[in-house]
C-alpha atoms as a PDB file:
ATOM      1  CA  MET A   1       0.000   0.000   0.000  1.00  0.00           C
ATOM      2  CA  ALA A   2       1.585   3.237  -1.113  1.00  0.00           C
ATOM      3  CA  ALA A   3       1.315   6.308   1.086  1.00  0.00           C
ATOM      4  CA  ASN A   4       0.065   9.516  -0.471  1.00  0.00           C
ATOM      5  CA  ALA A   5       1.653  12.910   0.129  1.00  0.00           C
ATOM      6  CA  ALA A   6      -0.876  13.886   2.824  1.00  0.00           C
ATOM      7  CA  ASP A   7      -0.138  10.677   4.741  1.00  0.00           C
ATOM      8  CA  LEU A   8       3.562  11.500   4.657  1.00  0.00           C
ATOM      9  CA  ARG A   9       2.975  15.097   5.837  1.00  0.00           C
ATOM     10  CA  ARG A  10       0.766  13.830   8.669  1.00  0.00           C
ATOM     11  CA  ARG A  11       3.350  11.264   9.741  1.00  0.00           C
ATOM     12  CA  ALA A  12       6.099  13.894   9.643  1.00  0.00           C
ATOM     13  CA  ALA A  13       4.046  16.134  11.932  1.00  0.00           C
ATOM     14  CA  GLU A  14       3.394  13.221  14.299  1.00  0.00           C
ATOM     15  CA  LEU A  15       7.106  12.451  14.500  1.00  0.00           C
ATOM     16  CA  ALA A  16       7.949  16.122  15.046  1.00  0.00           C
ATOM     17  CA  ALA A  17       6.049  16.015  18.330  1.00  0.00           C
ATOM     18  CA  SER A  18       8.801  13.906  19.880  1.00  0.00           C
ATOM     19  CA  ALA A  19      11.771  15.590  18.207  1.00  0.00           C
ATOM     20  CA  ALA A  20      14.233  17.557  20.307  1.00  0.00           C
ATOM     21  CA  PRO A  21      12.853  20.995  21.204  1.00  0.00           C
ATOM     22  CA  GLY A  22      14.388  24.266  20.136  1.00  0.00           C
ATOM     23  CA  ASP A  23      14.541  23.701  16.368  1.00  0.00           C
ATOM     24  CA  PRO A  24      13.106  26.863  14.793  1.00  0.00           C
ATOM     25  CA  GLY A  25      13.039  25.290  11.336  1.00  0.00           C
ATOM     26  CA  LEU A  26      10.951  22.360  12.505  1.00  0.00           C
ATOM     27  CA  ASP A  27       8.626  24.648  14.445  1.00  0.00           C
ATOM     28  CA  ALA A  28       8.194  26.842  11.355  1.00  0.00           C
ATOM     29  CA  ALA A  29       7.371  23.784   9.250  1.00  0.00           C
ATOM     30  CA  LEU A  30       4.716  22.779  11.772  1.00  0.00           C
ATOM     31  CA  VAL A  31       3.222  26.268  11.716  1.00  0.00           C
ATOM     32  CA  ARG A  32       3.000  25.979   7.924  1.00  0.00           C
ATOM     33  CA  ALA A  33       1.383  22.559   8.322  1.00  0.00           C
ATOM     34  CA  VAL A  34      -1.376  24.164  10.386  1.00  0.00           C
ATOM     35  CA  GLY A  35      -2.504  25.688   7.094  1.00  0.00           C
ATOM     36  CA  ASP A  36      -2.442  22.373   5.203  1.00  0.00           C
ATOM     37  CA  GLU A  37      -5.424  21.406   3.068  1.00  0.00           C
ATOM     38  CA  ASP A  38      -5.686  17.985   4.731  1.00  0.00           C
ATOM     39  CA  PRO A  39      -7.405  18.113   8.141  1.00  0.00           C
ATOM     40  CA  LEU A  40      -5.428  15.124   9.446  1.00  0.00           C
ATOM     41  CA  VAL A  41      -2.177  16.954   8.728  1.00  0.00           C
ATOM     42  CA  VAL A  42      -3.484  20.046  10.537  1.00  0.00           C
ATOM     43  CA  GLU A  43      -4.593  17.939  13.512  1.00  0.00           C
ATOM     44  CA  ALA A  44      -1.150  16.309  13.781  1.00  0.00           C
ATOM     45  CA  ALA A  45       0.596  19.683  13.443  1.00  0.00           C
ATOM     46  CA  CYS A  46      -1.528  21.156  16.247  1.00  0.00           C
ATOM     47  CA  PHE A  47      -0.644  18.227  18.495  1.00  0.00           C
ATOM     48  CA  ALA A  48       3.054  18.548  17.694  1.00  0.00           C
ATOM     49  CA  LEU A  49       3.094  22.289  18.347  1.00  0.00           C
ATOM     50  CA  GLY A  50       1.460  21.711  21.722  1.00  0.00           C
ATOM     51  CA  GLU A  51       4.143  19.190  22.597  1.00  0.00           C
ATOM     52  CA  ARG A  52       7.040  21.398  21.440  1.00  0.00           C
ATOM     53  CA  GLY A  53       6.172  24.620  23.277  1.00  0.00           C
ATOM     54  CA  ALA A  54       8.850  24.293  25.949  1.00  0.00           C
ATOM     55  CA  GLY A  55      11.622  24.815  23.404  1.00  0.00           C
ATOM     56  CA  MET A  56      10.193  27.948  21.808  1.00  0.00           C
ATOM     57  CA  ASP A  57      11.281  31.509  22.440  1.00  0.00           C
ATOM     58  CA  ALA A  58       8.594  34.027  23.421  1.00  0.00           C
ATOM     59  CA  ALA A  59       8.095  35.477  19.939  1.00  0.00           C
ATOM     60  CA  ARG A  60       7.734  32.063  18.294  1.00  0.00           C
ATOM     61  CA  LEU A  61       5.420  30.870  21.055  1.00  0.00           C
ATOM     62  CA  ALA A  62       3.206  33.937  20.597  1.00  0.00           C
ATOM     63  CA  GLY A  63       2.942  33.198  16.885  1.00  0.00           C
ATOM     64  CA  VAL A  64       2.085  29.560  17.530  1.00  0.00           C
ATOM     65  CA  VAL A  65      -0.558  30.531  20.073  1.00  0.00           C
ATOM     66  CA  GLY A  66      -2.060  32.919  17.535  1.00  0.00           C
ATOM     67  CA  GLN A  67      -2.184  30.226  14.853  1.00  0.00           C
ATOM     68  CA  LEU A  68      -3.696  27.654  17.199  1.00  0.00           C
ATOM     69  CA  SER A  69      -6.236  30.184  18.453  1.00  0.00           C
ATOM     70  CA  SER A  70      -7.370  30.860  14.892  1.00  0.00           C
ATOM     71  CA  VAL A  71      -7.652  27.157  14.110  1.00  0.00           C
ATOM     72  CA  SER A  72      -9.598  26.495  17.317  1.00  0.00           C
ATOM     73  CA  ALA A  73     -12.184  29.073  16.308  1.00  0.00           C
ATOM     74  CA  GLN A  74     -12.370  28.772  12.535  1.00  0.00           C
ATOM     75  CA  HIS A  75     -11.451  25.354  11.210  1.00  0.00           C
ATOM     76  CA  ARG A  76     -14.319  23.524   9.523  1.00  0.00           C
ATOM     77  CA  GLU A  77     -13.434  20.154  11.066  1.00  0.00           C
ATOM     78  CA  PRO A  78     -14.370  19.677  14.738  1.00  0.00           C
ATOM     79  CA  HIS A  79     -11.529  17.214  15.432  1.00  0.00           C
ATOM     80  CA  VAL A  80      -9.052  19.841  14.245  1.00  0.00           C
ATOM     81  CA  ARG A  81     -10.593  22.535  16.461  1.00  0.00           C
ATOM     82  CA  GLU A  82     -10.376  20.078  19.341  1.00  0.00           C
ATOM     83  CA  ALA A  83      -6.691  19.379  18.642  1.00  0.00           C
ATOM     84  CA  ALA A  84      -5.956  23.109  18.569  1.00  0.00           C
ATOM     85  CA  VAL A  85      -7.685  23.612  21.926  1.00  0.00           C
ATOM     86  CA  ALA A  86      -5.744  20.693  23.410  1.00  0.00           C
ATOM     87  CA  ALA A  87      -2.492  22.184  22.110  1.00  0.00           C
ATOM     88  CA  LEU A  88      -3.336  25.559  23.657  1.00  0.00           C
ATOM     89  CA  GLY A  89      -3.875  23.790  26.967  1.00  0.00           C
ATOM     90  CA  ALA A  90      -0.591  21.911  26.613  1.00  0.00           C
ATOM     91  CA  LEU A  91       1.221  25.196  25.988  1.00  0.00           C
ATOM     92  CA  GLY A  92      -0.522  26.958  28.871  1.00  0.00           C
ATOM     93  CA  ASP A  93       0.423  30.358  27.466  1.00  0.00           C
ATOM     94  CA  PRO A  94      -1.879  33.132  28.740  1.00  0.00           C
ATOM     95  CA  GLY A  95      -2.374  34.336  25.166  1.00  0.00           C
ATOM     96  CA  GLY A  96      -4.296  31.146  24.437  1.00  0.00           C
ATOM     97  CA  LEU A  97      -6.775  31.525  27.275  1.00  0.00           C
ATOM     98  CA  PRO A  98      -9.345  33.578  25.304  1.00  0.00           C
ATOM     99  CA  ALA A  99      -9.492  30.904  22.590  1.00  0.00           C
ATOM    100  CA  VAL A 100      -9.877  28.117  25.152  1.00  0.00           C
ATOM    101  CA  LEU A 101     -12.675  30.031  26.867  1.00  0.00           C
ATOM    102  CA  ALA A 102     -14.366  30.623  23.503  1.00  0.00           C
ATOM    103  CA  ALA A 103     -14.191  26.889  22.793  1.00  0.00           C
ATOM    104  CA  LEU A 104     -16.507  26.335  25.757  1.00  0.00           C
ATOM    105  CA  GLY A 105     -19.274  27.369  23.351  1.00  0.00           C
ATOM    106  CA  ASP A 106     -18.470  24.728  20.712  1.00  0.00           C
ATOM    107  CA  ARG A 107     -19.778  21.157  20.414  1.00  0.00           C
ATOM    108  CA  PRO A 108     -19.519  18.758  23.406  1.00  0.00           C
ATOM    109  CA  THR A 109     -16.211  17.075  22.536  1.00  0.00           C
ATOM    110  CA  ILE A 110     -14.550  20.449  22.113  1.00  0.00           C
ATOM    111  CA  ARG A 111     -16.132  21.826  25.295  1.00  0.00           C
ATOM    112  CA  ARG A 112     -14.729  18.817  27.175  1.00  0.00           C
ATOM    113  CA  ARG A 113     -11.274  19.419  25.734  1.00  0.00           C
ATOM    114  CA  ALA A 114     -11.530  23.120  26.585  1.00  0.00           C
ATOM    115  CA  ALA A 115     -12.498  22.325  30.177  1.00  0.00           C
ATOM    116  CA  VAL A 116      -9.444  20.072  30.508  1.00  0.00           C
ATOM    117  CA  ALA A 117      -7.249  22.724  28.871  1.00  0.00           C
ATOM    118  CA  LEU A 118      -8.327  25.294  31.469  1.00  0.00           C
ATOM    119  CA  ALA A 119      -6.353  23.337  34.076  1.00  0.00           C
ATOM    120  CA  ALA A 120      -3.174  24.773  32.516  1.00  0.00           C
ATOM    121  CA  PHE A 121      -4.135  28.349  33.323  1.00  0.00           C
ATOM    122  CA  ASP A 122      -3.723  29.752  36.826  1.00  0.00           C
ATOM    123  CA  ASP A 123      -6.088  32.617  36.298  1.00  0.00           C
ATOM    124  CA  ALA A 124      -9.398  33.912  37.647  1.00  0.00           C
ATOM    125  CA  GLU A 125     -10.887  33.837  34.121  1.00  0.00           C
ATOM    126  CA  ALA A 126      -9.964  30.176  33.776  1.00  0.00           C
ATOM    127  CA  GLU A 127     -11.591  29.360  37.087  1.00  0.00           C
ATOM    128  CA  ALA A 128     -14.687  31.312  36.068  1.00  0.00           C
ATOM    129  CA  GLY A 129     -14.769  29.282  32.841  1.00  0.00           C
ATOM    130  CA  LEU A 130     -14.615  26.064  34.829  1.00  0.00           C
ATOM    131  CA  ARG A 131     -17.440  27.292  37.043  1.00  0.00           C
ATOM    132  CA  ARG A 132     -19.535  27.943  33.915  1.00  0.00           C
ATOM    133  CA  CYS A 133     -18.802  24.350  32.902  1.00  0.00           C
ATOM    134  CA  LEU A 134     -20.610  23.185  36.033  1.00  0.00           C
ATOM    135  CA  GLU A 135     -23.844  24.236  34.278  1.00  0.00           C
ATOM    136  CA  ASP A 136     -23.009  22.646  30.907  1.00  0.00           C
ATOM    137  CA  ARG A 137     -25.653  20.396  29.375  1.00  0.00           C
ATOM    138  CA  ASP A 138     -23.034  17.675  28.790  1.00  0.00           C
ATOM    139  CA  TRP A 139     -22.404  15.605  31.913  1.00  0.00           C
ATOM    140  CA  GLN A 140     -18.771  14.944  30.954  1.00  0.00           C
ATOM    141  CA  VAL A 141     -18.021  18.669  30.745  1.00  0.00           C
ATOM    142  CA  ARG A 142     -19.601  19.090  34.184  1.00  0.00           C
ATOM    143  CA  SER A 143     -17.598  16.138  35.518  1.00  0.00           C
ATOM    144  CA  VAL A 144     -14.286  17.586  34.269  1.00  0.00           C
ATOM    145  CA  ALA A 145     -15.091  20.906  35.932  1.00  0.00           C
ATOM    146  CA  GLU A 146     -16.040  19.221  39.202  1.00  0.00           C
ATOM    147  CA  THR A 147     -12.783  17.292  39.217  1.00  0.00           C
ATOM    148  CA  LEU A 148     -10.616  20.311  38.403  1.00  0.00           C
ATOM    149  CA  LEU A 149     -12.406  22.483  40.956  1.00  0.00           C
ATOM    150  CA  ASP A 150     -12.124  19.677  43.526  1.00  0.00           C
ATOM    151  CA  LEU A 151     -15.891  19.532  44.032  1.00  0.00           C
ATOM    152  CA  PRO A 152     -17.956  16.469  44.879  1.00  0.00           C
ATOM    153  CA  PRO A 153     -19.770  14.942  41.905  1.00  0.00           C
ATOM    154  CA  THR A 154     -23.380  15.996  41.405  1.00  0.00           C
END
């Protein structure tokens, strides 16, 4: 079975997640991959960028957070928006908090991921977002919030 070009780009992004941090060229390639036409490539690039944040300087990290924030709000594929929200949580950069909070208004799987991502932010807005999750119509979103806020289950 021959792999197509999109499969190879996706696999490259997946492997980049575990590559040594601090390689600006690799990080730039992943940022470009966030704009790929194939949603599976974009999903893998989001994951990899979330995993590589520790090795980025402040300017590069700000650019990555901006890209991920845009994807989390605008991508047509829900699984890609979810991956971007997860990556923002993995990075824990305060610049990503507004996008994570906005994701609390998306579909249930993305709201769950956003609730989990809020754990990375030590901020009153993040806590307020978790408290809003306690009223979510999805029981799993409520359960995540209860756990993170150290509340008894309802």
